[in-house]
Amino acid sequence: MLASDMLISDYSSIFFDYRLTGRPMIVHAPDLEWYRDVERGFYGRWPDDPGLPLSRSQSDLEHLVQVALATVGKDNAEETTARENVKWVCKWVLDAMQYACE
């Protein structure tokens, strides 16, 4: 995750982990109806709940990737919150490691 510029995935829970990076994410789900109605179903209103861009075709995906890359590095509220979360997690891990080593 640390070496990537963005996440493109389908129905993975990795979105919740990757959000901590503050980098763009895109849901690519060309088979959304089949996956939802036949294969497994979803909790909540996935993929609407996380508020992520959704591509349903290769051309949709290419467009969303271009848009996302054009905004990388520009601060917005979600990225700021994600950066604050990463700092908090890092501090918590470092504190826990220091405590374990005492």
N, C-alpha and C. Protein backbone atom coordinates (compact mmCIF):
# COMPACT_ATOMS: atom_id res chain seq x y z
N MET A 1 0.81 -1.19 0.00
CA MET A 1 0.00 0.00 0.00
C MET A 1 0.86 1.26 0.00
N LEU A 2 1.98 1.22 0.70
CA LEU A 2 2.79 2.42 0.80
C LEU A 2 3.46 2.80 -0.52
N ALA A 3 3.65 1.83 -1.42
CA ALA A 3 4.34 2.11 -2.68
C ALA A 3 3.38 2.47 -3.81
N SER A 4 2.09 2.49 -3.54
CA SER A 4 1.13 2.73 -4.61
C SER A 4 0.63 4.18 -4.62
N ASP A 5 0.17 4.61 -5.78
CA ASP A 5 -0.40 5.95 -5.91
C ASP A 5 -1.90 5.95 -5.70
N MET A 6 -2.54 4.81 -5.93
CA MET A 6 -3.98 4.70 -5.74
C MET A 6 -4.35 3.23 -5.64
N LEU A 7 -5.59 3.00 -5.18
CA LEU A 7 -6.11 1.64 -5.08
C LEU A 7 -7.27 1.49 -6.05
N ILE A 8 -7.21 0.43 -6.83
CA ILE A 8 -8.33 0.03 -7.67
C ILE A 8 -8.64 -1.40 -7.27
N SER A 9 -9.84 -1.61 -6.79
CA SER A 9 -10.23 -2.94 -6.34
C SER A 9 -11.71 -3.14 -6.62
N ASP A 10 -12.18 -4.35 -6.34
CA ASP A 10 -13.59 -4.61 -6.58
C ASP A 10 -14.37 -4.58 -5.26
N TYR A 11 -14.45 -5.69 -4.57
CA TYR A 11 -15.30 -5.77 -3.39
C TYR A 11 -14.50 -6.03 -2.12
N SER A 12 -13.24 -5.77 -2.17
CA SER A 12 -12.34 -6.11 -1.07
C SER A 12 -12.48 -5.15 0.10
N SER A 13 -12.25 -5.66 1.28
CA SER A 13 -12.24 -4.82 2.48
C SER A 13 -10.95 -4.01 2.58
N ILE A 14 -10.04 -4.18 1.63
CA ILE A 14 -8.81 -3.40 1.64
C ILE A 14 -9.09 -1.90 1.56
N PHE A 15 -10.25 -1.52 1.08
CA PHE A 15 -10.61 -0.10 1.03
C PHE A 15 -10.52 0.54 2.43
N PHE A 16 -10.91 -0.21 3.45
CA PHE A 16 -10.90 0.34 4.80
C PHE A 16 -9.48 0.57 5.29
N ASP A 17 -8.57 -0.32 4.95
CA ASP A 17 -7.17 -0.15 5.33
C ASP A 17 -6.51 0.94 4.49
N TYR A 18 -6.75 0.91 3.20
CA TYR A 18 -6.09 1.84 2.29
C TYR A 18 -6.52 3.28 2.55
N ARG A 19 -7.72 3.48 3.06
CA ARG A 19 -8.20 4.83 3.33
C ARG A 19 -7.23 5.59 4.24
N LEU A 20 -6.51 4.86 5.08
CA LEU A 20 -5.55 5.50 5.98
C LEU A 20 -4.40 6.17 5.24
N THR A 21 -4.16 5.79 4.00
CA THR A 21 -3.07 6.42 3.25
C THR A 21 -3.44 7.80 2.74
N GLY A 22 -4.74 8.07 2.63
CA GLY A 22 -5.19 9.34 2.08
C GLY A 22 -5.10 9.43 0.57
N ARG A 23 -4.76 8.32 -0.07
CA ARG A 23 -4.62 8.31 -1.53
C ARG A 23 -5.94 7.92 -2.18
N PRO A 24 -6.08 8.22 -3.47
CA PRO A 24 -7.33 7.93 -4.17
C PRO A 24 -7.64 6.43 -4.23
N MET A 25 -8.94 6.14 -4.25
CA MET A 25 -9.42 4.77 -4.38
C MET A 25 -10.57 4.75 -5.37
N ILE A 26 -10.63 3.68 -6.14
CA ILE A 26 -11.70 3.49 -7.12
C ILE A 26 -12.24 2.07 -6.98
N VAL A 27 -13.56 1.96 -6.95
CA VAL A 27 -14.21 0.65 -6.98
C VAL A 27 -14.43 0.32 -8.45
N HIS A 28 -13.88 -0.81 -8.90
CA HIS A 28 -14.09 -1.26 -10.28
C HIS A 28 -14.95 -2.52 -10.21
N ALA A 29 -16.21 -2.38 -10.60
CA ALA A 29 -17.17 -3.46 -10.43
C ALA A 29 -18.04 -3.63 -11.67
N PRO A 30 -17.47 -4.16 -12.75
CA PRO A 30 -18.27 -4.35 -13.95
C PRO A 30 -19.36 -5.41 -13.76
N ASP A 31 -19.21 -6.26 -12.76
CA ASP A 31 -20.17 -7.34 -12.51
C ASP A 31 -20.99 -7.09 -11.23
N LEU A 32 -21.24 -5.84 -10.93
CA LEU A 32 -21.88 -5.46 -9.67
C LEU A 32 -23.20 -6.20 -9.42
N GLU A 33 -24.10 -6.20 -10.37
CA GLU A 33 -25.40 -6.84 -10.15
C GLU A 33 -25.25 -8.34 -9.90
N TRP A 34 -24.41 -8.99 -10.70
CA TRP A 34 -24.21 -10.43 -10.51
C TRP A 34 -23.62 -10.72 -9.13
N TYR A 35 -22.60 -9.97 -8.77
CA TYR A 35 -21.96 -10.21 -7.47
C TYR A 35 -22.94 -9.95 -6.33
N ARG A 36 -23.69 -8.87 -6.43
CA ARG A 36 -24.64 -8.51 -5.37
C ARG A 36 -25.82 -9.47 -5.32
N ASP A 37 -26.42 -9.78 -6.46
CA ASP A 37 -27.68 -10.52 -6.49
C ASP A 37 -27.52 -12.03 -6.55
N VAL A 38 -26.38 -12.53 -7.06
CA VAL A 38 -26.20 -13.97 -7.25
C VAL A 38 -25.08 -14.51 -6.37
N GLU A 39 -23.92 -13.91 -6.46
CA GLU A 39 -22.73 -14.48 -5.83
C GLU A 39 -22.75 -14.37 -4.30
N ARG A 40 -22.83 -13.16 -3.75
CA ARG A 40 -22.64 -13.02 -2.31
C ARG A 40 -23.53 -12.01 -1.64
N GLY A 41 -23.87 -10.95 -2.28
CA GLY A 41 -24.59 -9.86 -1.62
C GLY A 41 -23.62 -8.94 -0.90
N PHE A 42 -24.17 -7.88 -0.31
CA PHE A 42 -23.34 -6.88 0.37
C PHE A 42 -23.92 -6.56 1.74
N TYR A 43 -23.08 -6.02 2.58
CA TYR A 43 -23.54 -5.40 3.82
C TYR A 43 -23.82 -3.94 3.51
N GLY A 44 -24.85 -3.40 4.11
CA GLY A 44 -25.15 -1.99 3.90
C GLY A 44 -25.48 -1.70 2.46
N ARG A 45 -25.08 -0.54 2.01
CA ARG A 45 -25.36 -0.13 0.63
C ARG A 45 -24.08 -0.07 -0.18
N TRP A 46 -23.24 -1.07 -0.07
CA TRP A 46 -22.00 -1.12 -0.83
C TRP A 46 -22.33 -1.11 -2.30
N PRO A 47 -21.65 -0.40 -3.15
CA PRO A 47 -20.47 0.41 -2.92
C PRO A 47 -20.78 1.88 -2.65
N ASP A 48 -22.05 2.22 -2.42
CA ASP A 48 -22.39 3.63 -2.16
C ASP A 48 -21.92 4.12 -0.80
N ASP A 49 -21.96 3.27 0.21
CA ASP A 49 -21.65 3.69 1.58
C ASP A 49 -20.29 4.37 1.73
N PRO A 50 -19.21 3.83 1.17
CA PRO A 50 -17.93 4.52 1.38
C PRO A 50 -17.76 5.79 0.55
N GLY A 51 -18.68 6.07 -0.37
CA GLY A 51 -18.60 7.28 -1.16
C GLY A 51 -17.44 7.30 -2.14
N LEU A 52 -17.07 6.16 -2.67
CA LEU A 52 -15.94 6.07 -3.59
C LEU A 52 -16.41 6.12 -5.04
N PRO A 53 -15.54 6.61 -5.94
CA PRO A 53 -15.89 6.57 -7.36
C PRO A 53 -16.07 5.12 -7.81
N LEU A 54 -17.05 4.91 -8.68
CA LEU A 54 -17.37 3.56 -9.16
C LEU A 54 -17.23 3.50 -10.67
N SER A 55 -16.42 2.56 -11.14
CA SER A 55 -16.32 2.33 -12.59
C SER A 55 -17.00 1.01 -12.90
N ARG A 56 -17.68 1.00 -14.05
CA ARG A 56 -18.39 -0.20 -14.48
C ARG A 56 -17.83 -0.74 -15.78
N SER A 57 -16.88 -0.02 -16.38
CA SER A 57 -16.28 -0.45 -17.65
C SER A 57 -14.83 0.03 -17.69
N GLN A 58 -14.09 -0.47 -18.66
CA GLN A 58 -12.70 -0.07 -18.82
C GLN A 58 -12.59 1.43 -19.08
N SER A 59 -13.47 1.96 -19.92
CA SER A 59 -13.40 3.40 -20.22
C SER A 59 -13.74 4.23 -18.99
N ASP A 60 -14.73 3.79 -18.18
CA ASP A 60 -15.02 4.48 -16.92
C ASP A 60 -13.79 4.48 -16.02
N LEU A 61 -13.15 3.33 -15.92
CA LEU A 61 -11.98 3.19 -15.06
C LEU A 61 -10.86 4.11 -15.52
N GLU A 62 -10.58 4.13 -16.81
CA GLU A 62 -9.52 4.98 -17.32
C GLU A 62 -9.79 6.45 -17.01
N HIS A 63 -11.02 6.88 -17.18
CA HIS A 63 -11.38 8.27 -16.89
C HIS A 63 -11.20 8.57 -15.39
N LEU A 64 -11.69 7.70 -14.53
CA LEU A 64 -11.58 7.93 -13.09
C LEU A 64 -10.13 7.92 -12.62
N VAL A 65 -9.30 7.09 -13.23
CA VAL A 65 -7.87 7.08 -12.88
C VAL A 65 -7.23 8.42 -13.26
N GLN A 66 -7.55 8.93 -14.43
CA GLN A 66 -7.00 10.23 -14.85
C GLN A 66 -7.43 11.34 -13.90
N VAL A 67 -8.69 11.34 -13.53
CA VAL A 67 -9.21 12.35 -12.60
C VAL A 67 -8.51 12.23 -11.24
N ALA A 68 -8.39 11.00 -10.74
CA ALA A 68 -7.78 10.78 -9.43
C ALA A 68 -6.31 11.20 -9.43
N LEU A 69 -5.57 10.84 -10.46
CA LEU A 69 -4.16 11.20 -10.51
C LEU A 69 -3.96 12.70 -10.64
N ALA A 70 -4.91 13.39 -11.26
CA ALA A 70 -4.81 14.84 -11.39
C ALA A 70 -5.00 15.54 -10.05
N THR A 71 -5.63 14.85 -9.10
CA THR A 71 -5.89 15.47 -7.79
C THR A 71 -4.95 14.97 -6.70
N VAL A 72 -4.06 14.03 -7.01
CA VAL A 72 -3.13 13.50 -6.01
C VAL A 72 -2.28 14.64 -5.47
N GLY A 73 -2.18 14.69 -4.16
CA GLY A 73 -1.36 15.70 -3.51
C GLY A 73 -2.08 16.98 -3.18
N LYS A 74 -3.28 17.16 -3.71
CA LYS A 74 -4.07 18.33 -3.35
C LYS A 74 -4.84 18.00 -2.08
N ASP A 75 -4.66 18.82 -1.08
CA ASP A 75 -5.31 18.56 0.21
C ASP A 75 -6.81 18.71 0.09
N ASN A 76 -7.49 17.74 0.69
CA ASN A 76 -8.93 17.86 0.90
C ASN A 76 -9.22 17.27 2.26
N ALA A 77 -10.44 17.40 2.71
CA ALA A 77 -10.77 17.00 4.08
C ALA A 77 -10.51 15.52 4.31
N GLU A 78 -10.83 14.66 3.35
CA GLU A 78 -10.63 13.22 3.54
C GLU A 78 -9.16 12.88 3.66
N GLU A 79 -8.32 13.49 2.82
CA GLU A 79 -6.89 13.21 2.90
C GLU A 79 -6.32 13.72 4.21
N THR A 80 -6.75 14.88 4.66
CA THR A 80 -6.26 15.41 5.93
C THR A 80 -6.64 14.47 7.07
N THR A 81 -7.88 14.03 7.10
CA THR A 81 -8.32 13.11 8.13
C THR A 81 -7.52 11.81 8.05
N ALA A 82 -7.30 11.31 6.85
CA ALA A 82 -6.54 10.07 6.70
C ALA A 82 -5.12 10.25 7.22
N ARG A 83 -4.48 11.37 6.90
CA ARG A 83 -3.12 11.61 7.39
C ARG A 83 -3.11 11.68 8.92
N GLU A 84 -4.09 12.32 9.50
CA GLU A 84 -4.18 12.38 10.96
C GLU A 84 -4.36 10.98 11.54
N ASN A 85 -5.16 10.15 10.88
CA ASN A 85 -5.35 8.77 11.33
C ASN A 85 -4.05 7.98 11.26
N VAL A 86 -3.31 8.15 10.18
CA VAL A 86 -2.03 7.44 10.03
C VAL A 86 -1.08 7.87 11.14
N LYS A 87 -1.00 9.16 11.41
CA LYS A 87 -0.12 9.64 12.48
C LYS A 87 -0.53 9.04 13.83
N TRP A 88 -1.84 9.00 14.08
CA TRP A 88 -2.33 8.43 15.34
C TRP A 88 -1.98 6.95 15.43
N VAL A 89 -2.18 6.19 14.34
CA VAL A 89 -1.87 4.76 14.35
C VAL A 89 -0.37 4.55 14.56
N CYS A 90 0.45 5.33 13.87
CA CYS A 90 1.90 5.19 14.04
C CYS A 90 2.32 5.47 15.47
N LYS A 91 1.78 6.52 16.05
CA LYS A 91 2.11 6.84 17.44
C LYS A 91 1.67 5.72 18.37
N TRP A 92 0.49 5.19 18.14
CA TRP A 92 -0.03 4.11 18.98
C TRP A 92 0.87 2.88 18.88
N VAL A 93 1.29 2.53 17.66
CA VAL A 93 2.16 1.37 17.47
C VAL A 93 3.51 1.60 18.14
N LEU A 94 4.09 2.77 17.95
CA LEU A 94 5.38 3.07 18.56
C LEU A 94 5.30 3.06 20.08
N ASP A 95 4.23 3.62 20.63
CA ASP A 95 4.03 3.59 22.08
C ASP A 95 3.90 2.15 22.59
N ALA A 96 3.15 1.34 21.84
CA ALA A 96 2.95 -0.06 22.24
C ALA A 96 4.28 -0.83 22.17
N MET A 97 5.08 -0.55 21.15
CA MET A 97 6.37 -1.23 21.04
C MET A 97 7.32 -0.81 22.17
N GLN A 98 7.31 0.46 22.48
CA GLN A 98 8.17 0.94 23.57
C GLN A 98 7.75 0.31 24.90
N TYR A 99 6.46 0.23 25.13
CA TYR A 99 5.95 -0.38 26.36
C TYR A 99 6.36 -1.85 26.44
N ALA A 100 6.27 -2.56 25.30
CA ALA A 100 6.61 -3.97 25.27
C ALA A 100 8.10 -4.21 25.51
N CYS A 101 8.93 -3.23 25.16
CA CYS A 101 10.37 -3.39 25.30
C CYS A 101 10.89 -2.97 26.67
N GLU A 102 10.05 -2.40 27.51
CA GLU A 102 10.51 -1.94 28.84
C GLU A 102 10.58 -3.09 29.81
